Amino acid sequence: MPKKSAKRSKNTKQFTVKSAGGENTTAQIIVQNKLARTPLVSVILPGHNVAQFLDQCLSSVCNQTLQDIEIIYVDDGSTDNSLEIAKKFAEHDKRITIVSQENRNAGVARNAGLAIARGKYLSFLDSDDFFEPNMHETLYKRAIETNADIV
């Protein structure tokens, strides 16, 4: 797994993320998942003004046949109700972490999710897309069968 480029502040839920260009931005964890152990897969979802798609996207992730996942939604400065939609999902699913940052685009939002991801494997999904229900289970099984780093 790549080295994480984030620096956490002590006793806060804020951390600094570097962009590919070397700029720093501050992200804040506003909802922390309640997982007791390390998940098999961390699913990172960057989102900016995706309210019209987010329900379908989060539903597709929450309803995966592989349930041993963490879901990290990084709100990239949305001005619609994307953040509120994500919070409603987090009320019902203990696997969800929500991060908020000012708008720095999807790459920096992905870096913020990567900085806090704990899973053995990583999965990225744009918040206007969705997964087939067995996608993570199929990919995880294939990774284990072939001892793959990437599937």
C-alpha atoms as a PDB file:
ATOM      1  CA  MET A   1       0.000   0.000   0.000  1.00  0.00           C
ATOM      2  CA  PRO A   2       1.385   3.475  -0.819  1.00  0.00           C
ATOM      3  CA  LYS A   3       2.722   5.641   1.964  1.00  0.00           C
ATOM      4  CA  LYS A   4       0.002   7.873   3.312  1.00  0.00           C
ATOM      5  CA  SER A   5       0.589  11.609   2.914  1.00  0.00           C
ATOM      6  CA  ALA A   6      -1.436  12.943   5.800  1.00  0.00           C
ATOM      7  CA  LYS A   7      -0.545  14.408   9.144  1.00  0.00           C
ATOM      8  CA  ARG A   8      -3.114  14.206  11.930  1.00  0.00           C
ATOM      9  CA  SER A   9      -3.458  16.894  14.544  1.00  0.00           C
ATOM     10  CA  LYS A  10      -3.289  15.621  18.119  1.00  0.00           C
ATOM     11  CA  ASN A  11      -6.629  15.176  19.891  1.00  0.00           C
ATOM     12  CA  THR A  12      -8.669  16.326  16.903  1.00  0.00           C
ATOM     13  CA  LYS A  13     -10.348  14.721  13.964  1.00  0.00           C
ATOM     14  CA  GLN A  14      -8.614  17.059  11.541  1.00  0.00           C
ATOM     15  CA  PHE A  15      -5.754  16.054   9.302  1.00  0.00           C
ATOM     16  CA  THR A  16      -3.745  17.605   6.495  1.00  0.00           C
ATOM     17  CA  VAL A  17      -3.703  16.141   3.006  1.00  0.00           C
ATOM     18  CA  LYS A  18      -1.257  17.018   0.234  1.00  0.00           C
ATOM     19  CA  SER A  19      -2.361  17.298  -3.357  1.00  0.00           C
ATOM     20  CA  ALA A  20      -0.252  15.930  -6.208  1.00  0.00           C
ATOM     21  CA  GLY A  21       1.014  19.487  -6.686  1.00  0.00           C
ATOM     22  CA  GLY A  22       2.193  19.658  -3.075  1.00  0.00           C
ATOM     23  CA  GLU A  23      -0.534  21.975  -1.774  1.00  0.00           C
ATOM     24  CA  ASN A  24      -1.926  21.266   1.689  1.00  0.00           C
ATOM     25  CA  THR A  25      -5.590  21.175   2.598  1.00  0.00           C
ATOM     26  CA  THR A  26      -7.282  20.365   5.887  1.00  0.00           C
ATOM     27  CA  ALA A  27      -9.868  17.610   6.082  1.00  0.00           C
ATOM     28  CA  GLN A  28     -12.047  16.784   9.049  1.00  0.00           C
ATOM     29  CA  ILE A  29     -13.627  13.491  10.074  1.00  0.00           C
ATOM     30  CA  ILE A  30     -17.223  14.364  10.960  1.00  0.00           C
ATOM     31  CA  VAL A  31     -18.534  10.806  11.366  1.00  0.00           C
ATOM     32  CA  GLN A  32     -16.183   7.975  12.379  1.00  0.00           C
ATOM     33  CA  ASN A  33     -17.065   4.383  11.581  1.00  0.00           C
ATOM     34  CA  LYS A  34     -17.543   2.060  14.531  1.00  0.00           C
ATOM     35  CA  LEU A  35     -15.634  -0.949  13.289  1.00  0.00           C
ATOM     36  CA  ALA A  36     -13.848  -2.952  15.950  1.00  0.00           C
ATOM     37  CA  ARG A  37     -11.435  -4.645  13.564  1.00  0.00           C
ATOM     38  CA  THR A  38      -9.545  -3.967  10.367  1.00  0.00           C
ATOM     39  CA  PRO A  39     -11.866  -4.359   7.344  1.00  0.00           C
ATOM     40  CA  LEU A  40     -10.950  -6.418   4.310  1.00  0.00           C
ATOM     41  CA  VAL A  41     -11.675  -3.541   1.906  1.00  0.00           C
ATOM     42  CA  SER A  42     -11.777   0.243   2.275  1.00  0.00           C
ATOM     43  CA  VAL A  43     -14.150   1.812  -0.239  1.00  0.00           C
ATOM     44  CA  ILE A  44     -13.307   5.475  -0.868  1.00  0.00           C
ATOM     45  CA  LEU A  45     -15.986   7.720  -2.378  1.00  0.00           C
ATOM     46  CA  PRO A  46     -15.081  11.329  -3.194  1.00  0.00           C
ATOM     47  CA  GLY A  47     -18.125  13.517  -3.774  1.00  0.00           C
ATOM     48  CA  HIS A  48     -18.892  17.084  -4.810  1.00  0.00           C
ATOM     49  CA  ASN A  49     -22.543  18.086  -5.362  1.00  0.00           C
ATOM     50  CA  VAL A  50     -23.659  14.524  -6.096  1.00  0.00           C
ATOM     51  CA  ALA A  51     -26.964  14.560  -4.195  1.00  0.00           C
ATOM     52  CA  GLN A  52     -28.942  13.263  -7.169  1.00  0.00           C
ATOM     53  CA  PHE A  53     -26.715  10.140  -7.401  1.00  0.00           C
ATOM     54  CA  LEU A  54     -25.508   9.561  -3.850  1.00  0.00           C
ATOM     55  CA  ASP A  55     -28.432   7.489  -2.594  1.00  0.00           C
ATOM     56  CA  GLN A  56     -27.963   4.885  -5.348  1.00  0.00           C
ATOM     57  CA  CYS A  57     -24.191   4.958  -4.957  1.00  0.00           C
ATOM     58  CA  LEU A  58     -24.173   4.472  -1.180  1.00  0.00           C
ATOM     59  CA  SER A  59     -26.924   1.858  -1.386  1.00  0.00           C
ATOM     60  CA  SER A  60     -24.837  -0.146  -3.851  1.00  0.00           C
ATOM     61  CA  VAL A  61     -21.836  -0.030  -1.527  1.00  0.00           C
ATOM     62  CA  CYS A  62     -23.749  -0.728   1.699  1.00  0.00           C
ATOM     63  CA  ASN A  63     -25.487  -3.721   0.093  1.00  0.00           C
ATOM     64  CA  GLN A  64     -22.366  -5.503  -1.087  1.00  0.00           C
ATOM     65  CA  THR A  65     -22.333  -9.264  -0.491  1.00  0.00           C
ATOM     66  CA  LEU A  66     -18.895  -8.768   1.098  1.00  0.00           C
ATOM     67  CA  GLN A  67     -19.899  -6.980   4.283  1.00  0.00           C
ATOM     68  CA  ASP A  68     -16.427  -6.724   5.874  1.00  0.00           C
ATOM     69  CA  ILE A  69     -15.746  -3.301   4.368  1.00  0.00           C
ATOM     70  CA  GLU A  70     -15.377   0.262   5.535  1.00  0.00           C
ATOM     71  CA  ILE A  71     -16.968   3.037   3.523  1.00  0.00           C
ATOM     72  CA  ILE A  72     -15.242   6.424   3.468  1.00  0.00           C
ATOM     73  CA  TYR A  73     -17.256   9.233   1.904  1.00  0.00           C
ATOM     74  CA  VAL A  74     -15.171  12.388   1.383  1.00  0.00           C
ATOM     75  CA  ASP A  75     -17.370  15.415   0.833  1.00  0.00           C
ATOM     76  CA  ASP A  76     -15.370  17.795  -1.339  1.00  0.00           C
ATOM     77  CA  GLY A  77     -17.038  21.078  -0.402  1.00  0.00           C
ATOM     78  CA  SER A  78     -20.537  20.250  -1.642  1.00  0.00           C
ATOM     79  CA  THR A  79     -23.094  23.052  -1.663  1.00  0.00           C
ATOM     80  CA  ASP A  80     -26.085  20.744  -2.213  1.00  0.00           C
ATOM     81  CA  ASN A  81     -27.389  18.225   0.336  1.00  0.00           C
ATOM     82  CA  SER A  82     -24.804  15.510  -0.421  1.00  0.00           C
ATOM     83  CA  LEU A  83     -23.369  15.694   3.090  1.00  0.00           C
ATOM     84  CA  GLU A  84     -26.811  15.319   4.692  1.00  0.00           C
ATOM     85  CA  ILE A  85     -27.533  12.248   2.547  1.00  0.00           C
ATOM     86  CA  ALA A  86     -24.252  10.661   3.626  1.00  0.00           C
ATOM     87  CA  LYS A  87     -25.005  11.421   7.291  1.00  0.00           C
ATOM     88  CA  LYS A  88     -28.383   9.675   7.011  1.00  0.00           C
ATOM     89  CA  PHE A  89     -26.682   6.567   5.663  1.00  0.00           C
ATOM     90  CA  ALA A  90     -24.103   6.714   8.476  1.00  0.00           C
ATOM     91  CA  GLU A  91     -26.915   6.746  11.064  1.00  0.00           C
ATOM     92  CA  HIS A  92     -27.901   3.264   9.856  1.00  0.00           C
ATOM     93  CA  ASP A  93     -24.546   1.766   8.866  1.00  0.00           C
ATOM     94  CA  LYS A  94     -21.678   1.611  11.364  1.00  0.00           C
ATOM     95  CA  ARG A  95     -19.142   1.019   8.571  1.00  0.00           C
ATOM     96  CA  ILE A  96     -19.366   4.581   7.220  1.00  0.00           C
ATOM     97  CA  THR A  97     -16.856   7.342   7.906  1.00  0.00           C
ATOM     98  CA  ILE A  98     -17.565  10.833   6.577  1.00  0.00           C
ATOM     99  CA  VAL A  99     -14.809  13.319   5.879  1.00  0.00           C
ATOM    100  CA  SER A 100     -15.379  16.936   4.918  1.00  0.00           C
ATOM    101  CA  GLN A 101     -12.955  19.268   3.176  1.00  0.00           C
ATOM    102  CA  GLU A 102     -13.123  22.440   1.148  1.00  0.00           C
ATOM    103  CA  ASN A 103     -13.432  21.893  -2.593  1.00  0.00           C
ATOM    104  CA  ARG A 104     -10.058  20.702  -3.866  1.00  0.00           C
ATOM    105  CA  ASN A 105     -11.313  18.250  -6.512  1.00  0.00           C
ATOM    106  CA  ALA A 106     -11.615  14.468  -6.577  1.00  0.00           C
ATOM    107  CA  GLY A 107      -7.898  13.662  -6.452  1.00  0.00           C
ATOM    108  CA  VAL A 108      -7.354  15.438  -3.147  1.00  0.00           C
ATOM    109  CA  ALA A 109     -10.589  13.930  -1.800  1.00  0.00           C
ATOM    110  CA  ARG A 110      -9.297  10.468  -2.743  1.00  0.00           C
ATOM    111  CA  ASN A 111      -6.029  11.257  -0.948  1.00  0.00           C
ATOM    112  CA  ALA A 112      -7.995  12.242   2.162  1.00  0.00           C
ATOM    113  CA  GLY A 113      -9.828   8.912   2.095  1.00  0.00           C
ATOM    114  CA  LEU A 114      -6.600   7.043   1.474  1.00  0.00           C
ATOM    115  CA  ALA A 115      -4.993   8.763   4.466  1.00  0.00           C
ATOM    116  CA  ILE A 116      -7.481   7.217   6.896  1.00  0.00           C
ATOM    117  CA  ALA A 117      -8.268   3.928   5.129  1.00  0.00           C
ATOM    118  CA  ARG A 118      -7.567   0.812   7.200  1.00  0.00           C
ATOM    119  CA  GLY A 119      -8.579  -1.996   4.833  1.00  0.00           C
ATOM    120  CA  LYS A 120      -6.298  -4.690   3.480  1.00  0.00           C
ATOM    121  CA  TYR A 121      -7.421  -3.656  -0.009  1.00  0.00           C
ATOM    122  CA  LEU A 122      -8.638  -0.351  -1.463  1.00  0.00           C
ATOM    123  CA  SER A 123     -11.514   0.384  -3.783  1.00  0.00           C
ATOM    124  CA  PHE A 124     -12.353   3.718  -5.362  1.00  0.00           C
ATOM    125  CA  LEU A 125     -15.754   4.683  -6.691  1.00  0.00           C
ATOM    126  CA  ASP A 126     -17.013   8.004  -7.983  1.00  0.00           C
ATOM    127  CA  SER A 127     -20.149   9.079  -6.140  1.00  0.00           C
ATOM    128  CA  ASP A 128     -22.199   9.241  -9.321  1.00  0.00           C
ATOM    129  CA  ASP A 129     -21.512   5.549 -10.048  1.00  0.00           C
ATOM    130  CA  PHE A 130     -22.545   2.300  -8.377  1.00  0.00           C
ATOM    131  CA  PHE A 131     -21.250  -1.236  -7.842  1.00  0.00           C
ATOM    132  CA  GLU A 132     -22.843  -4.554  -8.730  1.00  0.00           C
ATOM    133  CA  PRO A 133     -23.833  -6.301  -5.462  1.00  0.00           C
ATOM    134  CA  ASN A 134     -21.115  -8.981  -5.577  1.00  0.00           C
ATOM    135  CA  MET A 135     -18.267  -6.880  -6.953  1.00  0.00           C
ATOM    136  CA  HIS A 136     -16.142  -6.650  -3.809  1.00  0.00           C
ATOM    137  CA  GLU A 137     -16.700 -10.289  -2.883  1.00  0.00           C
ATOM    138  CA  THR A 138     -15.663 -11.415  -6.377  1.00  0.00           C
ATOM    139  CA  LEU A 139     -12.586  -9.187  -6.431  1.00  0.00           C
ATOM    140  CA  TYR A 140     -11.532 -10.102  -2.889  1.00  0.00           C
ATOM    141  CA  LYS A 141     -11.822 -13.854  -3.584  1.00  0.00           C
ATOM    142  CA  ARG A 142      -9.798 -13.434  -6.772  1.00  0.00           C
ATOM    143  CA  ALA A 143      -7.095 -11.473  -4.951  1.00  0.00           C
ATOM    144  CA  ILE A 144      -6.800 -14.195  -2.310  1.00  0.00           C
ATOM    145  CA  GLU A 145      -6.794 -17.014  -4.902  1.00  0.00           C
ATOM    146  CA  THR A 146      -4.000 -15.422  -6.929  1.00  0.00           C
ATOM    147  CA  ASN A 147      -2.150 -13.638  -4.112  1.00  0.00           C
ATOM    148  CA  ALA A 148      -2.627 -10.443  -6.133  1.00  0.00           C
ATOM    149  CA  ASP A 149      -1.869  -6.904  -5.032  1.00  0.00           C
ATOM    150  CA  ILE A 150      -4.245  -5.493  -7.662  1.00  0.00           C
ATOM    151  CA  VAL A 151      -7.393  -6.968  -9.238  1.00  0.00           C
END
